[in-house]
Amino acid sequence: MRVLYRPVAKLAALLTVMLPAAANAQDPAGSGPINNALAWMQGTLLGSVATAVAVMAVAAVGFMMLTGRMNWRFGATVIIGCFIIFGAASIVAGIQGAAG
């Protein structure tokens, strides 16, 4: 059981950091700088940095396929990771819509 819990906890922590808009509903006094820092981090992680890293990861998978050394698990992990990173806002919006 313990092995399955860690990835879920990491995903929940990642989504919490990447989506500070959800935290705006409960905005305690003095949390403006925290929200600004989280918004900056979200912009950095989902902006040009994430795009560049995703392009390099997909290119690495493509090069491995070209040379015949494709590790299918690694390739699937890269593709699924890209979908999760760039679709995080839509995923959380769907979860929030289903919950509320």
Protein backbone atom coordinates (compact mmCIF):
# COMPACT_ATOMS: atom_id res chain seq x y z
CA MET A 1 0.00 0.00 0.00
CA ARG A 2 2.78 2.40 0.85
CA VAL A 3 4.27 2.27 -2.65
CA LEU A 4 0.98 3.34 -4.25
CA TYR A 5 0.48 6.25 -1.86
CA ARG A 6 3.65 8.15 -2.72
CA PRO A 7 2.89 8.93 -6.39
CA VAL A 8 -0.61 10.10 -5.47
CA ALA A 9 0.76 12.36 -2.75
CA LYS A 10 3.39 13.75 -5.10
CA LEU A 11 0.77 14.43 -7.79
CA ALA A 12 -1.49 16.17 -5.25
CA ALA A 13 1.41 18.33 -4.06
CA LEU A 14 2.38 19.18 -7.63
CA LEU A 15 -1.16 20.17 -8.54
CA THR A 16 -1.46 22.27 -5.39
CA VAL A 17 1.69 24.17 -6.30
CA MET A 18 0.79 24.58 -9.95
CA LEU A 19 -2.76 25.79 -9.41
CA PRO A 20 -2.76 28.71 -7.00
CA ALA A 21 -6.09 29.94 -8.39
CA ALA A 22 -7.84 27.27 -6.31
CA ALA A 23 -6.29 28.79 -3.19
CA ASN A 24 -7.82 32.21 -3.95
CA ALA A 25 -11.21 31.07 -2.69
CA GLN A 26 -9.81 30.92 0.85
CA ASP A 27 -7.61 33.98 0.91
CA PRO A 28 -6.43 34.78 4.44
CA ALA A 29 -4.96 38.16 5.25
CA GLY A 30 -1.34 38.56 4.20
CA SER A 31 -1.33 35.75 1.66
CA GLY A 32 -0.86 38.05 -1.34
CA PRO A 33 2.91 37.46 -1.60
CA ILE A 34 2.40 33.70 -1.33
CA ASN A 35 -0.18 33.73 -4.11
CA ASN A 36 2.09 35.90 -6.24
CA ALA A 37 5.00 33.52 -5.71
CA LEU A 38 2.85 30.50 -6.62
CA ALA A 39 1.51 32.27 -9.71
CA TRP A 40 5.09 33.05 -10.76
CA MET A 41 6.10 29.43 -10.21
CA GLN A 42 3.12 28.22 -12.23
CA GLY A 43 3.99 30.59 -15.06
CA THR A 44 7.61 29.47 -15.01
CA LEU A 45 6.85 25.75 -14.89
CA LEU A 46 4.16 25.87 -17.56
CA GLY A 47 5.79 28.48 -19.76
CA SER A 48 8.88 28.32 -21.91
CA VAL A 49 10.82 26.17 -19.41
CA ALA A 50 8.29 23.34 -19.51
CA THR A 51 7.93 23.62 -23.26
CA ALA A 52 11.67 23.39 -23.81
CA VAL A 53 12.03 20.41 -21.47
CA ALA A 54 9.08 18.64 -23.12
CA VAL A 55 10.53 19.21 -26.60
CA MET A 56 13.89 17.77 -25.50
CA ALA A 57 12.23 14.76 -23.85
CA VAL A 58 10.11 13.96 -26.90
CA ALA A 59 13.15 14.44 -29.14
CA ALA A 60 15.11 12.00 -26.97
CA VAL A 61 12.32 9.43 -27.30
CA GLY A 62 12.25 9.99 -31.05
CA PHE A 63 16.02 9.57 -31.31
CA MET A 64 15.84 6.34 -29.31
CA MET A 65 13.14 5.07 -31.67
CA LEU A 66 15.27 6.06 -34.66
CA THR A 67 18.27 4.13 -33.38
CA GLY A 68 16.20 1.09 -32.38
CA ARG A 69 16.90 1.40 -28.65
CA MET A 70 13.40 2.36 -27.64
CA ASN A 71 12.43 1.59 -24.06
CA TRP A 72 8.65 1.63 -24.36
CA ARG A 73 8.08 2.26 -20.66
CA PHE A 74 10.30 5.35 -20.78
CA GLY A 75 8.57 6.57 -23.93
CA ALA A 76 5.12 6.14 -22.42
CA THR A 77 6.25 7.89 -19.24
CA VAL A 78 7.49 10.89 -21.23
CA ILE A 79 4.30 11.20 -23.26
CA ILE A 80 1.97 10.75 -20.26
CA GLY A 81 4.08 13.21 -18.25
CA CYS A 82 3.72 15.84 -20.97
CA PHE A 83 -0.05 15.35 -21.05
CA ILE A 84 -0.29 15.67 -17.26
CA ILE A 85 1.92 18.76 -17.05
CA PHE A 86 0.25 20.70 -19.84
CA GLY A 87 -3.25 19.41 -19.05
CA ALA A 88 -3.04 19.94 -15.28
CA ALA A 89 -5.46 22.89 -15.27
CA SER A 90 -8.06 20.95 -17.27
CA ILE A 91 -7.63 17.85 -15.11
CA VAL A 92 -8.14 19.80 -11.88
CA ALA A 93 -11.10 21.71 -13.35
CA GLY A 94 -12.72 18.39 -14.25
CA ILE A 95 -12.12 17.02 -10.74
CA GLN A 96 -13.52 20.18 -9.16
CA GLY A 97 -16.55 20.05 -11.45
CA ALA A 98 -17.23 16.45 -10.52
CA ALA A 99 -16.78 17.11 -6.80
CA GLY A 100 -18.85 20.28 -6.59
